[in-house]
Amino acid sequence: MKKSFFLVGFLLIVCGVWEFYPPVQYARYVVPQDVYTGNACDCQCISTSRPWYSTFNYWHWLWIIMVPLLAFSIKSEDSILQRTMVLLISVALCYFIMNFSVHLFWDIRNGPFLVKSATELPWQKTWDMQCADTGDGASLAFALLFGWIPASLYVGLCYVVMRVIRSLLKDRST
């Protein structure tokens, strides 16, 4: 079980490094040349022109990977208290990471776009806020208020799958 917690901690550190890595930060502000030449390019055009690593939602993948890791880390000989604690920790982590994933989705989608400065001074940046805040916030509110429901269902599904696989392996070995 300690290995799984260390692996989850390592994945959290990787997510943190990815978040603050300067090329990723810069790539989130990339605007295609069409905007500068005067061609029509709406917010969707700008979002799809960005590099893949700037639109990668690492919280989503951590959410998908972390829960099965914790579910399969429980041994059948562990006490009921220990299994319950890992279950509750899994639900809480799943809930928080799901909220982080939804927030990062809207941060990537609604990020302000860096526009060339009129003075061409490198320290002066002009931001185009036309594409910012296009979401209505319903997904943020839903994830915050009712996110525990899909988190509990996903954790429960992982634990049921873990039990079925263990029982099949146990029957196969005997």
Protein backbone atom coordinates (compact mmCIF):
# COMPACT_ATOMS: atom_id res chain seq x y z
CA MET A 1 0.00 0.00 0.00
CA LYS A 2 2.90 2.36 0.69
CA LYS A 3 4.06 1.94 -2.90
CA SER A 4 0.69 3.12 -4.19
CA PHE A 5 0.71 6.20 -1.96
CA PHE A 6 4.24 7.02 -3.10
CA LEU A 7 3.17 6.55 -6.72
CA VAL A 8 0.16 8.84 -6.23
CA GLY A 9 2.46 11.41 -4.59
CA PHE A 10 4.86 11.13 -7.51
CA LEU A 11 2.00 11.66 -9.97
CA LEU A 12 0.92 14.76 -8.02
CA ILE A 13 4.47 16.13 -8.22
CA VAL A 14 4.55 15.48 -11.98
CA CYS A 15 1.26 17.40 -12.33
CA GLY A 16 2.72 20.30 -10.35
CA VAL A 17 5.86 20.41 -12.47
CA TRP A 18 3.75 20.29 -15.65
CA GLU A 19 1.61 23.18 -14.39
CA PHE A 20 4.51 25.52 -13.73
CA TYR A 21 6.78 24.49 -16.61
CA PRO A 22 7.50 27.74 -18.54
CA PRO A 23 7.00 26.39 -22.10
CA VAL A 24 3.56 25.10 -21.11
CA GLN A 25 2.67 28.46 -19.57
CA TYR A 26 3.81 30.32 -22.69
CA ALA A 27 2.05 27.91 -25.07
CA ARG A 28 -1.28 28.63 -23.38
CA TYR A 29 -1.04 32.19 -24.70
CA VAL A 30 -0.16 31.30 -28.30
CA VAL A 31 -2.21 33.05 -30.96
CA PRO A 32 -2.10 31.93 -34.62
CA GLN A 33 -0.68 34.23 -37.29
CA ASP A 34 -4.18 34.61 -38.79
CA VAL A 35 -5.06 36.95 -35.95
CA TYR A 36 -2.10 39.20 -36.69
CA THR A 37 -2.71 39.30 -40.44
CA GLY A 38 -6.34 40.32 -40.00
CA ASN A 39 -7.97 37.05 -41.08
CA ALA A 40 -11.04 35.85 -39.23
CA CYS A 41 -10.08 33.58 -36.34
CA ASP A 42 -12.56 33.10 -33.53
CA CYS A 43 -11.91 31.77 -30.03
CA GLN A 44 -12.26 28.15 -31.17
CA CYS A 45 -9.67 28.74 -33.91
CA ILE A 46 -7.27 30.18 -31.36
CA SER A 47 -7.81 27.32 -28.89
CA THR A 48 -7.25 24.60 -31.50
CA SER A 49 -4.10 26.25 -32.84
CA ARG A 50 -2.26 25.84 -29.55
CA PRO A 51 0.31 23.04 -29.04
CA TRP A 52 -0.97 19.80 -27.53
CA TYR A 53 1.04 20.17 -24.34
CA SER A 54 -0.65 23.46 -23.51
CA THR A 55 -4.13 21.94 -23.72
CA PHE A 56 -3.29 18.67 -21.96
CA ASN A 57 -5.48 18.23 -18.87
CA TYR A 58 -3.16 16.26 -16.60
CA TRP A 59 -5.63 16.32 -13.68
CA HIS A 60 -8.09 14.30 -15.76
CA TRP A 61 -5.55 11.54 -16.38
CA LEU A 62 -4.39 11.57 -12.77
CA TRP A 63 -8.03 11.12 -11.77
CA ILE A 64 -8.39 8.10 -14.06
CA ILE A 65 -5.10 6.45 -12.97
CA MET A 66 -5.01 7.22 -9.25
CA VAL A 67 -8.18 5.49 -8.06
CA PRO A 68 -7.41 2.03 -9.52
CA LEU A 69 -3.90 2.30 -8.08
CA LEU A 70 -5.33 2.84 -4.63
CA ALA A 71 -8.02 0.21 -5.11
CA PHE A 72 -5.55 -2.48 -6.10
CA SER A 73 -3.15 -1.54 -3.32
CA ILE A 74 -5.48 -2.98 -0.67
CA LYS A 75 -4.67 -6.52 0.32
CA SER A 76 -7.42 -8.94 1.28
CA GLU A 77 -5.77 -9.57 4.66
CA ASP A 78 -5.84 -5.86 5.63
CA SER A 79 -8.14 -4.87 8.47
CA ILE A 80 -11.58 -3.45 7.73
CA LEU A 81 -10.52 -0.12 9.26
CA GLN A 82 -7.54 0.14 6.92
CA ARG A 83 -9.66 -0.75 3.89
CA THR A 84 -12.29 1.80 4.89
CA MET A 85 -9.68 4.54 5.33
CA VAL A 86 -8.20 3.87 1.89
CA LEU A 87 -11.72 3.91 0.43
CA LEU A 88 -12.49 7.29 2.03
CA ILE A 89 -9.12 8.72 0.99
CA SER A 90 -9.78 7.50 -2.56
CA VAL A 91 -13.20 9.19 -2.67
CA ALA A 92 -11.80 12.46 -1.27
CA LEU A 93 -8.84 12.51 -3.69
CA CYS A 94 -11.13 11.62 -6.58
CA TYR A 95 -13.48 14.49 -5.67
CA PHE A 96 -10.71 17.09 -5.35
CA ILE A 97 -8.88 16.00 -8.49
CA MET A 98 -12.15 15.99 -10.44
CA ASN A 99 -12.69 19.62 -9.37
CA PHE A 100 -9.11 20.52 -10.36
CA SER A 101 -9.72 18.89 -13.73
CA VAL A 102 -12.86 20.94 -14.39
CA HIS A 103 -11.14 24.16 -13.31
CA LEU A 104 -8.11 23.46 -15.52
CA PHE A 105 -10.40 22.72 -18.47
CA TRP A 106 -11.96 26.18 -18.19
CA ASP A 107 -8.59 27.83 -17.51
CA ILE A 108 -7.23 26.35 -20.73
CA ARG A 109 -10.38 27.16 -22.69
CA ASN A 110 -10.86 30.70 -21.38
CA GLY A 111 -7.28 31.83 -21.02
CA PRO A 112 -6.50 35.36 -22.10
CA PHE A 113 -4.71 35.57 -25.40
CA LEU A 114 -1.43 37.40 -25.71
CA VAL A 115 -1.55 39.96 -28.50
CA LYS A 116 1.42 41.82 -29.93
CA SER A 117 2.02 45.09 -28.20
CA ALA A 118 1.53 48.32 -30.15
CA THR A 119 4.79 49.71 -28.79
CA GLU A 120 6.77 46.51 -29.48
CA LEU A 121 8.35 46.69 -26.05
CA PRO A 122 9.06 43.18 -24.78
CA TRP A 123 8.00 43.93 -21.22
CA GLN A 124 4.63 45.35 -22.21
CA LYS A 125 2.03 42.73 -23.01
CA THR A 126 -1.43 43.31 -24.35
CA TRP A 127 -4.12 40.77 -23.54
CA ASP A 128 -7.18 40.09 -25.66
CA MET A 129 -9.95 39.30 -23.21
CA GLN A 130 -12.62 38.69 -25.86
CA CYS A 131 -12.38 34.91 -25.49
CA ALA A 132 -12.05 34.92 -21.69
CA ASP A 133 -14.89 33.75 -19.46
CA THR A 134 -17.01 32.15 -22.17
CA GLY A 135 -18.21 29.40 -19.81
CA ASP A 136 -21.34 29.81 -17.74
CA GLY A 137 -19.90 28.14 -14.66
CA ALA A 138 -22.48 25.36 -14.50
CA SER A 139 -19.86 22.63 -14.78
CA LEU A 140 -17.82 24.27 -12.01
CA ALA A 141 -20.84 24.44 -9.71
CA PHE A 142 -21.91 20.90 -10.58
CA ALA A 143 -18.43 19.50 -9.89
CA LEU A 144 -18.21 21.39 -6.62
CA LEU A 145 -21.65 20.53 -5.27
CA PHE A 146 -22.34 17.10 -6.74
CA GLY A 147 -18.84 15.87 -7.63
CA TRP A 148 -18.86 13.47 -4.71
CA ILE A 149 -21.51 11.35 -6.49
CA PRO A 150 -19.45 10.41 -9.59
CA ALA A 151 -16.36 10.22 -7.38
CA SER A 152 -18.06 7.67 -5.13
CA LEU A 153 -19.41 5.73 -8.12
CA TYR A 154 -15.99 5.59 -9.80
CA VAL A 155 -14.24 4.51 -6.61
CA GLY A 156 -16.97 1.95 -5.94
CA LEU A 157 -16.66 0.58 -9.47
CA CYS A 158 -12.89 0.26 -9.09
CA TYR A 159 -13.29 -1.59 -5.81
CA VAL A 160 -15.90 -3.95 -7.28
CA VAL A 161 -13.63 -4.68 -10.25
CA MET A 162 -10.75 -5.28 -7.84
CA ARG A 163 -12.84 -7.75 -5.82
CA VAL A 164 -14.03 -9.61 -8.95
CA ILE A 165 -10.51 -9.89 -10.35
CA ARG A 166 -9.17 -11.13 -7.01
CA SER A 167 -11.92 -13.73 -6.68
CA LEU A 168 -11.31 -14.94 -10.26
CA LEU A 169 -7.58 -15.21 -9.59
CA LYS A 170 -8.25 -17.01 -6.31
CA ASP A 171 -10.61 -19.51 -8.02
CA ARG A 172 -8.12 -20.04 -10.80
CA SER A 173 -5.26 -20.78 -8.42
CA THR A 174 -7.21 -23.42 -6.47
